[in-house]
C-alpha atoms as a PDB file:
ATOM      1  CA  UNK A   1     147.655 -30.862-134.695  1.00  0.00           C
ATOM      2  CA  UNK A   2     150.793 -32.256-136.220  1.00  0.00           C
ATOM      3  CA  UNK A   3     152.705 -29.148-135.155  1.00  0.00           C
ATOM      4  CA  UNK A   4     151.538 -29.614-131.575  1.00  0.00           C
ATOM      5  CA  UNK A   5     152.499 -33.310-131.689  1.00  0.00           C
ATOM      6  CA  UNK A   6     155.976 -32.494-132.966  1.00  0.00           C
ATOM      7  CA  UNK A   7     156.410 -29.710-130.435  1.00  0.00           C
ATOM      8  CA  UNK A   8     154.914 -31.107-127.237  1.00  0.00           C
ATOM      9  CA  UNK A   9     153.605 -34.644-127.391  1.00  0.00           C
ATOM     10  CA  UNK A  10     151.971 -34.438-123.959  1.00  0.00           C
ATOM     11  CA  UNK A  11     149.808 -31.523-125.102  1.00  0.00           C
ATOM     12  CA  UNK A  12     148.864 -33.460-128.219  1.00  0.00           C
ATOM     13  CA  UNK A  13     147.874 -36.536-126.180  1.00  0.00           C
ATOM     14  CA  UNK A  14     145.830 -34.334-123.806  1.00  0.00           C
ATOM     15  CA  UNK A  15     143.875 -32.826-126.726  1.00  0.00           C
ATOM     16  CA  UNK A  16     143.365 -36.169-128.460  1.00  0.00           C
ATOM     17  CA  UNK A  17     141.919 -37.681-125.263  1.00  0.00           C
ATOM     18  CA  UNK A  18     139.194 -34.982-125.442  1.00  0.00           C
ATOM     19  CA  UNK A  19     138.408 -35.274-129.161  1.00  0.00           C
ATOM     20  CA  UNK A  20     139.427 -31.837-130.487  1.00  0.00           C
ATOM     21  CA  UNK A  21     136.874 -32.049-133.265  1.00  0.00           C
ATOM     22  CA  UNK A  22     134.112 -31.832-130.634  1.00  0.00           C
ATOM     23  CA  UNK A  23     133.299 -28.589-128.865  1.00  0.00           C
ATOM     24  CA  UNK A  24     131.862 -30.445-125.870  1.00  0.00           C
ATOM     25  CA  UNK A  25     134.942 -29.687-123.771  1.00  0.00           C
ATOM     26  CA  UNK A  26     135.113 -25.996-124.619  1.00  0.00           C
ATOM     27  CA  UNK A  27     132.973 -23.334-122.958  1.00  0.00           C
ATOM     28  CA  UNK A  28     130.512 -21.613-125.241  1.00  0.00           C
ATOM     29  CA  UNK A  29     129.812 -18.631-123.060  1.00  0.00           C
ATOM     30  CA  UNK A  30     131.718 -15.416-122.594  1.00  0.00           C
ATOM     31  CA  UNK A  31     134.961 -15.552-120.710  1.00  0.00           C
ATOM     32  CA  UNK A  32     134.213 -12.193-119.235  1.00  0.00           C
ATOM     33  CA  UNK A  33     130.730 -11.131-118.078  1.00  0.00           C
ATOM     34  CA  UNK A  34     131.825  -7.480-118.292  1.00  0.00           C
ATOM     35  CA  UNK A  35     131.567  -7.685-122.082  1.00  0.00           C
ATOM     36  CA  UNK A  36     127.968  -8.718-121.957  1.00  0.00           C
ATOM     37  CA  UNK A  37     127.157  -6.136-119.338  1.00  0.00           C
ATOM     38  CA  UNK A  38     128.952  -3.459-121.291  1.00  0.00           C
ATOM     39  CA  UNK A  39     126.928  -4.144-124.435  1.00  0.00           C
ATOM     40  CA  UNK A  40     123.668  -3.986-122.471  1.00  0.00           C
ATOM     41  CA  UNK A  41     124.664  -0.695-120.857  1.00  0.00           C
ATOM     42  CA  UNK A  42     125.643   0.746-124.234  1.00  0.00           C
ATOM     43  CA  UNK A  43     122.358  -0.214-125.833  1.00  0.00           C
ATOM     44  CA  UNK A  44     120.335   1.086-122.844  1.00  0.00           C
ATOM     45  CA  UNK A  45     122.218   4.395-122.931  1.00  0.00           C
ATOM     46  CA  UNK A  46     121.255   4.810-126.604  1.00  0.00           C
ATOM     47  CA  UNK A  47     117.549   4.155-126.113  1.00  0.00           C
ATOM     48  CA  UNK A  48     117.095   6.347-122.995  1.00  0.00           C
ATOM     49  CA  UNK A  49     115.173   9.043-124.966  1.00  0.00           C
ATOM     50  CA  UNK A  50     113.133   6.451-126.860  1.00  0.00           C
ATOM     51  CA  UNK A  51     111.982   4.778-123.673  1.00  0.00           C
ATOM     52  CA  UNK A  52     110.139   7.974-122.671  1.00  0.00           C
ATOM     53  CA  UNK A  53     107.851   7.723-125.679  1.00  0.00           C
ATOM     54  CA  UNK A  54     104.735   5.601-126.177  1.00  0.00           C
ATOM     55  CA  UNK A  55     105.387   1.976-127.050  1.00  0.00           C
ATOM     56  CA  UNK A  56     104.910   2.146-130.821  1.00  0.00           C
ATOM     57  CA  UNK A  57     106.966   5.342-131.130  1.00  0.00           C
ATOM     58  CA  UNK A  58     109.653   3.839-128.934  1.00  0.00           C
ATOM     59  CA  UNK A  59     109.809   0.632-130.996  1.00  0.00           C
ATOM     60  CA  UNK A  60     109.899   2.606-134.231  1.00  0.00           C
ATOM     61  CA  UNK A  61     112.756   4.794-133.019  1.00  0.00           C
ATOM     62  CA  UNK A  62     114.748   1.742-131.897  1.00  0.00           C
ATOM     63  CA  UNK A  63     114.010   0.040-135.243  1.00  0.00           C
ATOM     64  CA  UNK A  64     115.261   3.112-137.150  1.00  0.00           C
ATOM     65  CA  UNK A  65     118.367   3.357-134.981  1.00  0.00           C
ATOM     66  CA  UNK A  66     119.242  -0.309-135.552  1.00  0.00           C
ATOM     67  CA  UNK A  67     118.669  -0.046-139.312  1.00  0.00           C
ATOM     68  CA  UNK A  68     120.916   2.974-139.468  1.00  0.00           C
ATOM     69  CA  UNK A  69     123.586   1.260-137.368  1.00  0.00           C
ATOM     70  CA  UNK A  70     123.550  -1.881-139.514  1.00  0.00           C
ATOM     71  CA  UNK A  71     123.810   0.260-142.658  1.00  0.00           C
ATOM     72  CA  UNK A  72     126.788   2.173-141.239  1.00  0.00           C
ATOM     73  CA  UNK A  73     128.511  -1.084-140.200  1.00  0.00           C
ATOM     74  CA  UNK A  74     127.976  -2.517-143.652  1.00  0.00           C
ATOM     75  CA  UNK A  75     129.559   0.574-145.181  1.00  0.00           C
ATOM     76  CA  UNK A  76     132.583   0.157-142.880  1.00  0.00           C
ATOM     77  CA  UNK A  77     132.905  -3.514-143.791  1.00  0.00           C
ATOM     78  CA  UNK A  78     132.996  -2.733-147.462  1.00  0.00           C
ATOM     79  CA  UNK A  79     136.103  -0.595-146.881  1.00  0.00           C
ATOM     80  CA  UNK A  80     138.104  -3.611-145.578  1.00  0.00           C
ATOM     81  CA  UNK A  81     140.753  -5.199-147.747  1.00  0.00           C
ATOM     82  CA  UNK A  82     140.103  -8.724-146.557  1.00  0.00           C
ATOM     83  CA  UNK A  83     137.434 -10.689-144.738  1.00  0.00           C
ATOM     84  CA  UNK A  84     138.517  -9.613-141.245  1.00  0.00           C
ATOM     85  CA  UNK A  85     138.870  -6.048-139.863  1.00  0.00           C
ATOM     86  CA  UNK A  86     142.320  -4.688-139.251  1.00  0.00           C
ATOM     87  CA  UNK A  87     141.830  -4.332-135.464  1.00  0.00           C
ATOM     88  CA  UNK A  88     140.989  -8.025-135.172  1.00  0.00           C
ATOM     89  CA  UNK A  89     143.992  -9.000-137.253  1.00  0.00           C
ATOM     90  CA  UNK A  90     146.298  -6.898-135.060  1.00  0.00           C
ATOM     91  CA  UNK A  91     144.825  -8.500-131.947  1.00  0.00           C
ATOM     92  CA  UNK A  92     145.270 -11.971-133.441  1.00  0.00           C
ATOM     93  CA  UNK A  93     148.921 -11.163-134.170  1.00  0.00           C
ATOM     94  CA  UNK A  94     149.440 -10.085-130.522  1.00  0.00           C
ATOM     95  CA  UNK A  95     147.903 -13.335-129.306  1.00  0.00           C
ATOM     96  CA  UNK A  96     150.026 -15.353-131.755  1.00  0.00           C
ATOM     97  CA  UNK A  97     153.222 -13.748-130.496  1.00  0.00           C
ATOM     98  CA  UNK A  98     152.183 -14.365-126.895  1.00  0.00           C
ATOM     99  CA  UNK A  99     151.333 -17.981-127.611  1.00  0.00           C
ATOM    100  CA  UNK A 100     154.580 -18.556-129.519  1.00  0.00           C
ATOM    101  CA  UNK A 101     156.545 -17.146-126.595  1.00  0.00           C
ATOM    102  CA  UNK A 102     154.725 -19.296-124.045  1.00  0.00           C
ATOM    103  CA  UNK A 103     155.196 -22.414-126.177  1.00  0.00           C
ATOM    104  CA  UNK A 104     158.870 -21.554-126.539  1.00  0.00           C
ATOM    105  CA  UNK A 105     159.217 -21.291-122.729  1.00  0.00           C
ATOM    106  CA  UNK A 106     157.433 -24.620-122.263  1.00  0.00           C
ATOM    107  CA  UNK A 107     159.724 -26.217-124.830  1.00  0.00           C
ATOM    108  CA  UNK A 108     162.811 -24.821-123.144  1.00  0.00           C
ATOM    109  CA  UNK A 109     161.625 -25.944-119.689  1.00  0.00           C
ATOM    110  CA  UNK A 110     160.929 -29.428-121.062  1.00  0.00           C
ATOM    111  CA  UNK A 111     164.441 -29.599-122.534  1.00  0.00           C
ATOM    112  CA  UNK A 112     165.876 -28.488-119.169  1.00  0.00           C
ATOM    113  CA  UNK A 113     163.874 -31.117-117.257  1.00  0.00           C
ATOM    114  CA  UNK A 114     164.890 -33.822-119.765  1.00  0.00           C
ATOM    115  CA  UNK A 115     168.516 -32.702-119.377  1.00  0.00           C
ATOM    116  CA  UNK A 116     168.381 -32.778-115.552  1.00  0.00           C
ATOM    117  CA  UNK A 117     166.738 -36.178-115.361  1.00  0.00           C
END
């Protein structure tokens, strides 16, 4: 927060008015409903064959699929060097660069406005 205050005091004041420690002002849902829809479609596509079976057999097949999937994901996680997967780290770096650039532009615009007035 100190970095924001030193960089753009108006943004700092805006955040402090809304108590940044509280998540009450931030949405908890998905920003894009397509993600949720995509996950449901993916899961439904996988269980198509299982849905044709009797209930107990269907549930057993889904249970086995989920157990196998969790095991495979656990194996993948154990290969990571850190606590976060590499794809996520790369995406975070892209976002950081984008945010730095936008903050730089805001800062330059603010200097220009201060200069003109």
